[in-house]
């Protein structure tokens, strides 16, 4: 979350009025994440999160992401719930951008997860995958295989010779993969530590579903493993938590390393794109892509089987 678009107090107060949440008390930008403009908003009714969507390509995509969160919250998952006005709309324009107000969940993100945290993340992720089974008309993962190929090719001229060689070879490897036998569904696609809230050891919030879309379910598990798990023992806990709810198929076990490489490639490319084609804003978070380049290189040089 960053702040690319500023919002004035009077402008926000007028936008909030149809939601009948009482007087606006305060709003402040959230300087975390990378894609949208986000604010904490406090009214007489409580605290909320306001998101201005900077890059959504279609109304249908935006409405899917907001409806997905409402669906998951209704299913008992700890997800933000969009605040809906009397007209039933999930979003309305604000400061020239689509904007939505969502419930603000309790808890804090953690920097150094324990084995117990990793197991719980796996368990809740599997619950999420079961809760979205059967959802129709989901858009594809916006940073799926076609995006990785397209963005990778466009970035190639901007990279150092060593980076370009690595990227070219990995794109060719990924293009040769066949994931047709892997279970598919709606994935979060960005379940990093800063997108999960905790109250002690209790997982209290899953945040930022704006990269969600249809893809192989294993991709979600690989994204989580790459960010949450510093060693094979915590990867094993993540997998054990997941399989306590949804056992993996034999095809998923076999595809673990290529999918984990694809997840590392996705975030290397995303952060390279921000580095080489930066966006302007009041508060902009730029994350170092080198950690994911190193992770991808590690998987290529020392393949790691799925621990079970």
C-alpha atoms as a PDB file:
ATOM      1  CA  UNK A   1       0.000   0.000   0.000  1.00  0.00           C
ATOM      2  CA  UNK A   2       1.220   3.458  -0.894  1.00  0.00           C
ATOM      3  CA  UNK A   3      -0.265   6.916  -1.479  1.00  0.00           C
ATOM      4  CA  UNK A   4      -0.242   7.991  -5.119  1.00  0.00           C
ATOM      5  CA  UNK A   5      -3.453  10.053  -4.991  1.00  0.00           C
ATOM      6  CA  UNK A   6      -4.186  12.482  -2.160  1.00  0.00           C
ATOM      7  CA  UNK A   7      -7.692  12.973  -0.771  1.00  0.00           C
ATOM      8  CA  UNK A   8      -8.893  16.169   0.904  1.00  0.00           C
ATOM      9  CA  UNK A   9     -10.905  16.066   4.112  1.00  0.00           C
ATOM     10  CA  UNK A  10     -13.995  17.808   2.698  1.00  0.00           C
ATOM     11  CA  UNK A  11     -13.904  15.644  -0.423  1.00  0.00           C
ATOM     12  CA  UNK A  12     -13.714  12.480   1.685  1.00  0.00           C
ATOM     13  CA  UNK A  13     -16.465  13.619   4.066  1.00  0.00           C
ATOM     14  CA  UNK A  14     -18.809  14.144   1.114  1.00  0.00           C
ATOM     15  CA  UNK A  15     -17.902  10.735  -0.330  1.00  0.00           C
ATOM     16  CA  UNK A  16     -18.600   9.033   3.012  1.00  0.00           C
ATOM     17  CA  UNK A  17     -21.986  10.667   3.544  1.00  0.00           C
ATOM     18  CA  UNK A  18     -24.078   8.037   1.641  1.00  0.00           C
ATOM     19  CA  UNK A  19     -22.571   5.297   3.821  1.00  0.00           C
ATOM     20  CA  UNK A  20     -24.157   6.772   6.980  1.00  0.00           C
ATOM     21  CA  UNK A  21     -21.101   6.140   9.157  1.00  0.00           C
ATOM     22  CA  UNK A  22     -21.302   9.377  11.104  1.00  0.00           C
ATOM     23  CA  UNK A  23     -18.904  12.309  11.184  1.00  0.00           C
ATOM     24  CA  UNK A  24     -15.430  11.946   9.669  1.00  0.00           C
ATOM     25  CA  UNK A  25     -12.903  12.225  12.479  1.00  0.00           C
ATOM     26  CA  UNK A  26      -9.570  11.575  10.785  1.00  0.00           C
ATOM     27  CA  UNK A  27      -7.846  10.011   7.793  1.00  0.00           C
ATOM     28  CA  UNK A  28      -4.174   9.210   7.241  1.00  0.00           C
ATOM     29  CA  UNK A  29      -2.199   7.600   4.430  1.00  0.00           C
ATOM     30  CA  UNK A  30      -0.779   4.092   4.804  1.00  0.00           C
ATOM     31  CA  UNK A  31       2.845   3.896   3.653  1.00  0.00           C
ATOM     32  CA  UNK A  32       3.134   0.172   2.932  1.00  0.00           C
ATOM     33  CA  UNK A  33       2.756  -2.001  -0.155  1.00  0.00           C
ATOM     34  CA  UNK A  34       3.176  -0.884  -3.745  1.00  0.00           C
ATOM     35  CA  UNK A  35       0.058  -0.737  -5.922  1.00  0.00           C
ATOM     36  CA  UNK A  36      -2.880   1.339  -4.609  1.00  0.00           C
ATOM     37  CA  UNK A  37      -3.446   4.433  -2.473  1.00  0.00           C
ATOM     38  CA  UNK A  38      -4.629   3.491   1.009  1.00  0.00           C
ATOM     39  CA  UNK A  39      -5.794   5.414   4.054  1.00  0.00           C
ATOM     40  CA  UNK A  40      -6.964   4.667   7.552  1.00  0.00           C
ATOM     41  CA  UNK A  41     -10.304   6.436   7.988  1.00  0.00           C
ATOM     42  CA  UNK A  42     -11.912   7.021  11.375  1.00  0.00           C
ATOM     43  CA  UNK A  43     -15.554   8.053  11.650  1.00  0.00           C
ATOM     44  CA  UNK A  44     -18.038   8.178  14.497  1.00  0.00           C
ATOM     45  CA  UNK A  45     -18.826   4.518  13.671  1.00  0.00           C
ATOM     46  CA  UNK A  46     -15.257   3.232  13.903  1.00  0.00           C
ATOM     47  CA  UNK A  47     -12.086   2.695  11.896  1.00  0.00           C
ATOM     48  CA  UNK A  48     -11.955   1.622   8.248  1.00  0.00           C
ATOM     49  CA  UNK A  49      -9.524   1.266   5.356  1.00  0.00           C
ATOM     50  CA  UNK A  50     -10.084   3.365   2.247  1.00  0.00           C
ATOM     51  CA  UNK A  51      -8.507   2.137  -1.002  1.00  0.00           C
ATOM     52  CA  UNK A  52      -8.182   4.154  -4.188  1.00  0.00           C
ATOM     53  CA  UNK A  53      -7.494   1.776  -7.060  1.00  0.00           C
ATOM     54  CA  UNK A  54      -4.728   3.137  -9.243  1.00  0.00           C
ATOM     55  CA  UNK A  55      -4.383   0.505 -11.966  1.00  0.00           C
ATOM     56  CA  UNK A  56      -7.489  -1.655 -12.256  1.00  0.00           C
ATOM     57  CA  UNK A  57      -8.199  -2.289 -15.925  1.00  0.00           C
ATOM     58  CA  UNK A  58     -11.945  -2.917 -15.734  1.00  0.00           C
ATOM     59  CA  UNK A  59     -14.978  -2.400 -13.557  1.00  0.00           C
ATOM     60  CA  UNK A  60     -15.664  -6.135 -13.676  1.00  0.00           C
ATOM     61  CA  UNK A  61     -12.213  -6.927 -12.275  1.00  0.00           C
ATOM     62  CA  UNK A  62     -12.590  -4.423  -9.435  1.00  0.00           C
ATOM     63  CA  UNK A  63     -16.049  -5.654  -8.530  1.00  0.00           C
ATOM     64  CA  UNK A  64     -14.789  -9.241  -8.529  1.00  0.00           C
ATOM     65  CA  UNK A  65     -12.022  -8.429  -6.043  1.00  0.00           C
ATOM     66  CA  UNK A  66     -14.411  -6.604  -3.715  1.00  0.00           C
ATOM     67  CA  UNK A  67     -17.130  -9.259  -3.997  1.00  0.00           C
ATOM     68  CA  UNK A  68     -14.500 -11.941  -3.327  1.00  0.00           C
ATOM     69  CA  UNK A  69     -13.626 -10.349   0.003  1.00  0.00           C
ATOM     70  CA  UNK A  70     -17.288 -10.075   0.936  1.00  0.00           C
ATOM     71  CA  UNK A  71     -17.755 -13.758   0.024  1.00  0.00           C
ATOM     72  CA  UNK A  72     -14.779 -14.863   2.111  1.00  0.00           C
ATOM     73  CA  UNK A  73     -15.847 -12.773   5.101  1.00  0.00           C
ATOM     74  CA  UNK A  74     -19.336 -14.287   4.843  1.00  0.00           C
ATOM     75  CA  UNK A  75     -17.711 -17.749   4.791  1.00  0.00           C
ATOM     76  CA  UNK A  76     -15.983 -17.034   8.104  1.00  0.00           C
ATOM     77  CA  UNK A  77     -12.512 -16.163   6.805  1.00  0.00           C
ATOM     78  CA  UNK A  78     -10.827 -13.163   8.470  1.00  0.00           C
ATOM     79  CA  UNK A  79     -11.084 -10.870   5.428  1.00  0.00           C
ATOM     80  CA  UNK A  80     -12.031  -7.201   5.127  1.00  0.00           C
ATOM     81  CA  UNK A  81     -15.677  -6.657   4.292  1.00  0.00           C
ATOM     82  CA  UNK A  82     -16.580  -3.849   1.854  1.00  0.00           C
ATOM     83  CA  UNK A  83     -18.927  -1.235   3.277  1.00  0.00           C
ATOM     84  CA  UNK A  84     -21.975  -1.108   1.028  1.00  0.00           C
ATOM     85  CA  UNK A  85     -24.273   1.896   0.803  1.00  0.00           C
ATOM     86  CA  UNK A  86     -28.031   1.868   0.420  1.00  0.00           C
ATOM     87  CA  UNK A  87     -27.576   1.702  -3.361  1.00  0.00           C
ATOM     88  CA  UNK A  88     -25.710  -1.611  -3.051  1.00  0.00           C
ATOM     89  CA  UNK A  89     -22.546  -0.326  -4.730  1.00  0.00           C
ATOM     90  CA  UNK A  90     -19.184  -1.765  -3.675  1.00  0.00           C
ATOM     91  CA  UNK A  91     -17.212   1.250  -4.919  1.00  0.00           C
ATOM     92  CA  UNK A  92     -17.675   4.850  -6.070  1.00  0.00           C
ATOM     93  CA  UNK A  93     -15.333   7.407  -7.692  1.00  0.00           C
ATOM     94  CA  UNK A  94     -13.193   9.535  -5.365  1.00  0.00           C
ATOM     95  CA  UNK A  95     -10.476  11.986  -6.426  1.00  0.00           C
ATOM     96  CA  UNK A  96     -10.817  10.685  -9.959  1.00  0.00           C
ATOM     97  CA  UNK A  97     -10.206   7.046  -9.015  1.00  0.00           C
ATOM     98  CA  UNK A  98     -12.427   4.088  -8.127  1.00  0.00           C
ATOM     99  CA  UNK A  99     -12.557   3.860  -4.332  1.00  0.00           C
ATOM    100  CA  UNK A 100     -13.909   1.449  -1.729  1.00  0.00           C
ATOM    101  CA  UNK A 101     -14.187   1.481   2.046  1.00  0.00           C
ATOM    102  CA  UNK A 102     -13.580  -1.767   3.917  1.00  0.00           C
ATOM    103  CA  UNK A 103     -13.652  -2.914   7.517  1.00  0.00           C
ATOM    104  CA  UNK A 104     -10.387  -2.479   9.414  1.00  0.00           C
ATOM    105  CA  UNK A 105      -9.323  -5.780  10.950  1.00  0.00           C
ATOM    106  CA  UNK A 106      -7.497  -6.045  14.285  1.00  0.00           C
ATOM    107  CA  UNK A 107      -3.927  -7.217  14.695  1.00  0.00           C
ATOM    108  CA  UNK A 108      -0.452  -6.577  13.356  1.00  0.00           C
ATOM    109  CA  UNK A 109       1.787  -8.168  10.750  1.00  0.00           C
ATOM    110  CA  UNK A 110       4.928  -9.975  11.891  1.00  0.00           C
ATOM    111  CA  UNK A 111       8.445  -9.837  10.535  1.00  0.00           C
ATOM    112  CA  UNK A 112       9.858 -13.130  11.868  1.00  0.00           C
ATOM    113  CA  UNK A 113       7.280 -15.921  11.754  1.00  0.00           C
ATOM    114  CA  UNK A 114       7.593 -19.049  13.855  1.00  0.00           C
ATOM    115  CA  UNK A 115       6.884 -22.592  12.727  1.00  0.00           C
ATOM    116  CA  UNK A 116       3.433 -22.249  14.328  1.00  0.00           C
ATOM    117  CA  UNK A 117       2.721 -19.123  12.279  1.00  0.00           C
ATOM    118  CA  UNK A 118       3.708 -20.922   9.068  1.00  0.00           C
ATOM    119  CA  UNK A 119       1.470 -23.880   9.873  1.00  0.00           C
ATOM    120  CA  UNK A 120      -1.487 -21.582  10.565  1.00  0.00           C
ATOM    121  CA  UNK A 121      -0.936 -19.628   7.339  1.00  0.00           C
ATOM    122  CA  UNK A 122      -1.005 -22.906   5.417  1.00  0.00           C
ATOM    123  CA  UNK A 123      -4.196 -24.008   7.156  1.00  0.00           C
ATOM    124  CA  UNK A 124      -6.047 -20.741   6.518  1.00  0.00           C
ATOM    125  CA  UNK A 125      -4.844 -20.605   2.918  1.00  0.00           C
ATOM    126  CA  UNK A 126      -6.327 -24.061   2.301  1.00  0.00           C
ATOM    127  CA  UNK A 127      -9.586 -22.933   3.930  1.00  0.00           C
ATOM    128  CA  UNK A 128      -9.633 -19.994   1.553  1.00  0.00           C
ATOM    129  CA  UNK A 129      -9.107 -22.256  -1.460  1.00  0.00           C
ATOM    130  CA  UNK A 130     -12.031 -24.443  -0.402  1.00  0.00           C
ATOM    131  CA  UNK A 131     -14.231 -21.407   0.291  1.00  0.00           C
ATOM    132  CA  UNK A 132     -13.779 -20.059  -3.245  1.00  0.00           C
ATOM    133  CA  UNK A 133     -14.289 -23.403  -4.998  1.00  0.00           C
ATOM    134  CA  UNK A 134     -16.957 -23.067  -7.630  1.00  0.00           C
ATOM    135  CA  UNK A 135     -16.759 -19.281  -8.006  1.00  0.00           C
ATOM    136  CA  UNK A 136     -17.422 -18.554 -11.666  1.00  0.00           C
ATOM    137  CA  UNK A 137     -16.211 -15.845 -14.020  1.00  0.00           C
ATOM    138  CA  UNK A 138     -13.041 -15.132 -12.057  1.00  0.00           C
ATOM    139  CA  UNK A 139     -10.496 -13.101 -14.032  1.00  0.00           C
ATOM    140  CA  UNK A 140      -7.121 -14.765 -14.617  1.00  0.00           C
ATOM    141  CA  UNK A 141      -4.246 -14.097 -12.245  1.00  0.00           C
ATOM    142  CA  UNK A 142      -3.198 -10.613 -13.424  1.00  0.00           C
ATOM    143  CA  UNK A 143       0.462 -11.534 -12.949  1.00  0.00           C
ATOM    144  CA  UNK A 144       0.140 -15.058 -14.309  1.00  0.00           C
ATOM    145  CA  UNK A 145       2.252 -16.727 -16.998  1.00  0.00           C
ATOM    146  CA  UNK A 146       1.307 -14.348 -19.876  1.00  0.00           C
ATOM    147  CA  UNK A 147       2.127 -11.318 -17.714  1.00  0.00           C
ATOM    148  CA  UNK A 148       5.465 -12.814 -16.644  1.00  0.00           C
ATOM    149  CA  UNK A 149       6.431 -13.472 -20.263  1.00  0.00           C
ATOM    150  CA  UNK A 150       5.353 -10.035 -21.481  1.00  0.00           C
ATOM    151  CA  UNK A 151       6.920  -8.018 -18.662  1.00  0.00           C
ATOM    152  CA  UNK A 152      10.071 -10.129 -18.668  1.00  0.00           C
ATOM    153  CA  UNK A 153      10.632  -9.497 -22.366  1.00  0.00           C
ATOM    154  CA  UNK A 154       9.987  -5.759 -21.985  1.00  0.00           C
ATOM    155  CA  UNK A 155      12.463  -5.459 -19.099  1.00  0.00           C
ATOM    156  CA  UNK A 156      15.275  -7.400 -20.775  1.00  0.00           C
ATOM    157  CA  UNK A 157      16.965  -4.349 -22.392  1.00  0.00           C
ATOM    158  CA  UNK A 158      17.048  -2.542 -19.034  1.00  0.00           C
ATOM    159  CA  UNK A 159      18.908  -5.277 -17.131  1.00  0.00           C
ATOM    160  CA  UNK A 160      22.558  -6.014 -16.591  1.00  0.00           C
ATOM    161  CA  UNK A 161      24.009  -8.747 -18.850  1.00  0.00           C
ATOM    162  CA  UNK A 162      23.959 -11.320 -16.027  1.00  0.00           C
ATOM    163  CA  UNK A 163      20.370 -10.495 -15.086  1.00  0.00           C
ATOM    164  CA  UNK A 164      19.266 -10.651 -18.724  1.00  0.00           C
ATOM    165  CA  UNK A 165      20.812 -14.105 -19.193  1.00  0.00           C
ATOM    166  CA  UNK A 166      19.125 -15.376 -16.023  1.00  0.00           C
ATOM    167  CA  UNK A 167      15.756 -13.920 -16.995  1.00  0.00           C
ATOM    168  CA  UNK A 168      15.871 -15.196 -20.559  1.00  0.00           C
ATOM    169  CA  UNK A 169      16.689 -18.730 -19.436  1.00  0.00           C
ATOM    170  CA  UNK A 170      13.999 -18.748 -16.754  1.00  0.00           C
ATOM    171  CA  UNK A 171      11.342 -17.477 -19.150  1.00  0.00           C
ATOM    172  CA  UNK A 172      12.204 -20.323 -21.525  1.00  0.00           C
ATOM    173  CA  UNK A 173      12.037 -22.839 -18.663  1.00  0.00           C
ATOM    174  CA  UNK A 174       8.645 -21.577 -17.517  1.00  0.00           C
ATOM    175  CA  UNK A 175       7.238 -21.528 -21.067  1.00  0.00           C
ATOM    176  CA  UNK A 176       8.010 -25.248 -21.309  1.00  0.00           C
ATOM    177  CA  UNK A 177       5.994 -26.193 -18.217  1.00  0.00           C
ATOM    178  CA  UNK A 178       2.670 -28.010 -18.493  1.00  0.00           C
ATOM    179  CA  UNK A 179       0.407 -27.318 -15.503  1.00  0.00           C
ATOM    180  CA  UNK A 180      -2.781 -28.660 -17.080  1.00  0.00           C
ATOM    181  CA  UNK A 181      -3.048 -31.465 -14.500  1.00  0.00           C
ATOM    182  CA  UNK A 182      -2.839 -29.127 -11.494  1.00  0.00           C
ATOM    183  CA  UNK A 183      -5.991 -28.127  -9.567  1.00  0.00           C
ATOM    184  CA  UNK A 184      -7.055 -24.572 -10.347  1.00  0.00           C
ATOM    185  CA  UNK A 185      -9.183 -21.962  -8.646  1.00  0.00           C
ATOM    186  CA  UNK A 186      -9.111 -18.440  -7.264  1.00  0.00           C
ATOM    187  CA  UNK A 187      -5.763 -17.589  -5.652  1.00  0.00           C
ATOM    188  CA  UNK A 188      -4.751 -14.671  -3.458  1.00  0.00           C
ATOM    189  CA  UNK A 189      -1.396 -14.498  -5.319  1.00  0.00           C
ATOM    190  CA  UNK A 190       0.203 -12.042  -2.853  1.00  0.00           C
ATOM    191  CA  UNK A 191       0.022 -13.645   0.598  1.00  0.00           C
ATOM    192  CA  UNK A 192       3.143 -12.044   2.051  1.00  0.00           C
ATOM    193  CA  UNK A 193       3.778 -11.418   5.737  1.00  0.00           C
ATOM    194  CA  UNK A 194       2.601  -7.803   5.450  1.00  0.00           C
ATOM    195  CA  UNK A 195      -0.750  -9.006   4.098  1.00  0.00           C
ATOM    196  CA  UNK A 196      -1.545 -11.115   7.165  1.00  0.00           C
ATOM    197  CA  UNK A 197      -2.525  -9.789  10.611  1.00  0.00           C
ATOM    198  CA  UNK A 198      -2.086 -11.556  13.944  1.00  0.00           C
ATOM    199  CA  UNK A 199      -3.392 -11.253  17.487  1.00  0.00           C
ATOM    200  CA  UNK A 200      -0.720 -13.233  19.282  1.00  0.00           C
ATOM    201  CA  UNK A 201      -0.644 -16.617  17.543  1.00  0.00           C
ATOM    202  CA  UNK A 202      -4.152 -16.168  16.123  1.00  0.00           C
ATOM    203  CA  UNK A 203      -4.425 -15.187  12.470  1.00  0.00           C
ATOM    204  CA  UNK A 204      -6.815 -12.226  12.517  1.00  0.00           C
ATOM    205  CA  UNK A 205      -6.670 -10.824   8.992  1.00  0.00           C
ATOM    206  CA  UNK A 206      -6.008 -11.660   5.338  1.00  0.00           C
ATOM    207  CA  UNK A 207      -5.465  -8.450   3.375  1.00  0.00           C
ATOM    208  CA  UNK A 208      -4.929  -7.081  -0.151  1.00  0.00           C
ATOM    209  CA  UNK A 209      -6.815  -9.334  -2.558  1.00  0.00           C
ATOM    210  CA  UNK A 210      -6.223  -7.037  -5.526  1.00  0.00           C
ATOM    211  CA  UNK A 211      -3.851  -9.447  -7.288  1.00  0.00           C
ATOM    212  CA  UNK A 212      -6.291 -12.336  -6.902  1.00  0.00           C
ATOM    213  CA  UNK A 213      -7.516 -14.318  -9.877  1.00  0.00           C
ATOM    214  CA  UNK A 214      -7.774 -17.785 -11.373  1.00  0.00           C
ATOM    215  CA  UNK A 215      -4.584 -19.870 -11.468  1.00  0.00           C
ATOM    216  CA  UNK A 216      -3.180 -23.133 -10.168  1.00  0.00           C
ATOM    217  CA  UNK A 217      -3.788 -23.333  -6.417  1.00  0.00           C
ATOM    218  CA  UNK A 218      -0.193 -24.435  -5.852  1.00  0.00           C
ATOM    219  CA  UNK A 219       0.976 -20.984  -6.942  1.00  0.00           C
ATOM    220  CA  UNK A 220      -0.511 -19.500  -3.742  1.00  0.00           C
ATOM    221  CA  UNK A 221       1.351 -21.998  -1.594  1.00  0.00           C
ATOM    222  CA  UNK A 222       4.604 -21.269  -3.410  1.00  0.00           C
ATOM    223  CA  UNK A 223       4.191 -17.502  -2.952  1.00  0.00           C
ATOM    224  CA  UNK A 224       3.653 -18.025   0.771  1.00  0.00           C
ATOM    225  CA  UNK A 225       6.609 -20.410   1.098  1.00  0.00           C
ATOM    226  CA  UNK A 226       8.920 -17.947  -0.646  1.00  0.00           C
ATOM    227  CA  UNK A 227       8.107 -15.146   1.782  1.00  0.00           C
ATOM    228  CA  UNK A 228       7.209 -16.888   5.051  1.00  0.00           C
ATOM    229  CA  UNK A 229       9.681 -19.762   5.227  1.00  0.00           C
ATOM    230  CA  UNK A 230      13.383 -19.167   5.783  1.00  0.00           C
ATOM    231  CA  UNK A 231      14.271 -22.871   5.973  1.00  0.00           C
ATOM    232  CA  UNK A 232      12.999 -26.300   4.964  1.00  0.00           C
ATOM    233  CA  UNK A 233      11.582 -26.960   8.438  1.00  0.00           C
ATOM    234  CA  UNK A 234       9.178 -24.007   8.218  1.00  0.00           C
ATOM    235  CA  UNK A 235       8.257 -24.929   4.637  1.00  0.00           C
ATOM    236  CA  UNK A 236       7.294 -28.345   6.013  1.00  0.00           C
ATOM    237  CA  UNK A 237       5.094 -26.667   8.639  1.00  0.00           C
ATOM    238  CA  UNK A 238       3.404 -24.511   6.000  1.00  0.00           C
ATOM    239  CA  UNK A 239       2.704 -27.596   3.856  1.00  0.00           C
ATOM    240  CA  UNK A 240       1.488 -29.601   6.865  1.00  0.00           C
ATOM    241  CA  UNK A 241      -0.947 -26.847   7.815  1.00  0.00           C
ATOM    242  CA  UNK A 242      -2.250 -26.672   4.258  1.00  0.00           C
ATOM    243  CA  UNK A 243      -2.632 -30.436   3.897  1.00  0.00           C
ATOM    244  CA  UNK A 244      -4.492 -30.669   7.202  1.00  0.00           C
ATOM    245  CA  UNK A 245      -7.362 -29.043   5.259  1.00  0.00           C
ATOM    246  CA  UNK A 246      -6.676 -29.821   1.597  1.00  0.00           C
ATOM    247  CA  UNK A 247      -4.200 -32.625   0.717  1.00  0.00           C
ATOM    248  CA  UNK A 248      -2.018 -31.966  -2.311  1.00  0.00           C
ATOM    249  CA  UNK A 249      -2.297 -34.158  -5.387  1.00  0.00           C
ATOM    250  CA  UNK A 250       0.592 -36.189  -6.781  1.00  0.00           C
ATOM    251  CA  UNK A 251       0.796 -33.765  -9.725  1.00  0.00           C
ATOM    252  CA  UNK A 252       1.146 -30.825  -7.331  1.00  0.00           C
ATOM    253  CA  UNK A 253       3.953 -32.542  -5.424  1.00  0.00           C
ATOM    254  CA  UNK A 254       5.808 -33.124  -8.699  1.00  0.00           C
ATOM    255  CA  UNK A 255       5.292 -29.509  -9.841  1.00  0.00           C
ATOM    256  CA  UNK A 256       6.425 -27.890  -6.590  1.00  0.00           C
ATOM    257  CA  UNK A 257       9.850 -26.695  -7.738  1.00  0.00           C
ATOM    258  CA  UNK A 258       8.766 -25.205 -11.121  1.00  0.00           C
ATOM    259  CA  UNK A 259       5.836 -23.438  -9.456  1.00  0.00           C
ATOM    260  CA  UNK A 260       8.041 -22.132  -6.670  1.00  0.00           C
ATOM    261  CA  UNK A 261      10.421 -20.794  -9.321  1.00  0.00           C
ATOM    262  CA  UNK A 262       7.478 -19.147 -11.102  1.00  0.00           C
ATOM    263  CA  UNK A 263       6.454 -17.447  -7.845  1.00  0.00           C
ATOM    264  CA  UNK A 264       9.987 -16.119  -7.299  1.00  0.00           C
ATOM    265  CA  UNK A 265      10.109 -14.935 -10.923  1.00  0.00           C
ATOM    266  CA  UNK A 266       6.790 -13.114 -10.559  1.00  0.00           C
ATOM    267  CA  UNK A 267       7.962 -10.959  -7.646  1.00  0.00           C
ATOM    268  CA  UNK A 268      11.422 -10.394  -9.109  1.00  0.00           C
ATOM    269  CA  UNK A 269       9.738  -9.027 -12.245  1.00  0.00           C
ATOM    270  CA  UNK A 270       7.205  -6.950 -10.310  1.00  0.00           C
ATOM    271  CA  UNK A 271       9.924  -5.239  -8.301  1.00  0.00           C
ATOM    272  CA  UNK A 272      12.207  -4.825 -11.317  1.00  0.00           C
ATOM    273  CA  UNK A 273       9.319  -3.144 -13.108  1.00  0.00           C
ATOM    274  CA  UNK A 274       8.856  -0.687 -10.252  1.00  0.00           C
ATOM    275  CA  UNK A 275      12.610  -0.025 -10.121  1.00  0.00           C
ATOM    276  CA  UNK A 276      12.979   0.637 -13.844  1.00  0.00           C
ATOM    277  CA  UNK A 277       9.552   2.231 -14.471  1.00  0.00           C
ATOM    278  CA  UNK A 278       8.766   4.024 -11.184  1.00  0.00           C
ATOM    279  CA  UNK A 279       5.436   5.733 -10.490  1.00  0.00           C
ATOM    280  CA  UNK A 280       5.091   9.099  -8.792  1.00  0.00           C
ATOM    281  CA  UNK A 281       3.089   9.740  -5.652  1.00  0.00           C
ATOM    282  CA  UNK A 282       3.060  11.351  -2.235  1.00  0.00           C
ATOM    283  CA  UNK A 283       4.231   8.184  -0.462  1.00  0.00           C
ATOM    284  CA  UNK A 284       5.595   5.413  -2.696  1.00  0.00           C
ATOM    285  CA  UNK A 285       6.975   2.094  -1.471  1.00  0.00           C
ATOM    286  CA  UNK A 286       9.739   0.611  -3.651  1.00  0.00           C
ATOM    287  CA  UNK A 287      10.980  -2.837  -2.648  1.00  0.00           C
ATOM    288  CA  UNK A 288      14.345  -4.323  -3.572  1.00  0.00           C
ATOM    289  CA  UNK A 289      14.026  -6.961  -6.319  1.00  0.00           C
ATOM    290  CA  UNK A 290      17.396  -8.537  -5.577  1.00  0.00           C
ATOM    291  CA  UNK A 291      16.094 -10.847  -2.841  1.00  0.00           C
ATOM    292  CA  UNK A 292      13.852 -12.607  -5.357  1.00  0.00           C
ATOM    293  CA  UNK A 293      16.633 -12.815  -7.932  1.00  0.00           C
ATOM    294  CA  UNK A 294      18.761 -14.563  -5.327  1.00  0.00           C
ATOM    295  CA  UNK A 295      15.889 -16.858  -4.360  1.00  0.00           C
ATOM    296  CA  UNK A 296      15.252 -17.801  -7.980  1.00  0.00           C
ATOM    297  CA  UNK A 297      18.954 -18.486  -8.487  1.00  0.00           C
ATOM    298  CA  UNK A 298      18.986 -20.699  -5.386  1.00  0.00           C
ATOM    299  CA  UNK A 299      16.087 -22.803  -6.669  1.00  0.00           C
ATOM    300  CA  UNK A 300      17.818 -23.182 -10.035  1.00  0.00           C
ATOM    301  CA  UNK A 301      21.169 -24.213  -8.567  1.00  0.00           C
ATOM    302  CA  UNK A 302      19.951 -26.335  -5.647  1.00  0.00           C
ATOM    303  CA  UNK A 303      16.470 -27.763  -6.348  1.00  0.00           C
ATOM    304  CA  UNK A 304      14.422 -28.263  -3.196  1.00  0.00           C
ATOM    305  CA  UNK A 305      11.758 -30.975  -3.205  1.00  0.00           C
ATOM    306  CA  UNK A 306       8.497 -30.375  -1.421  1.00  0.00           C
ATOM    307  CA  UNK A 307       9.026 -31.431   2.223  1.00  0.00           C
ATOM    308  CA  UNK A 308       6.392 -33.753   3.640  1.00  0.00           C
END
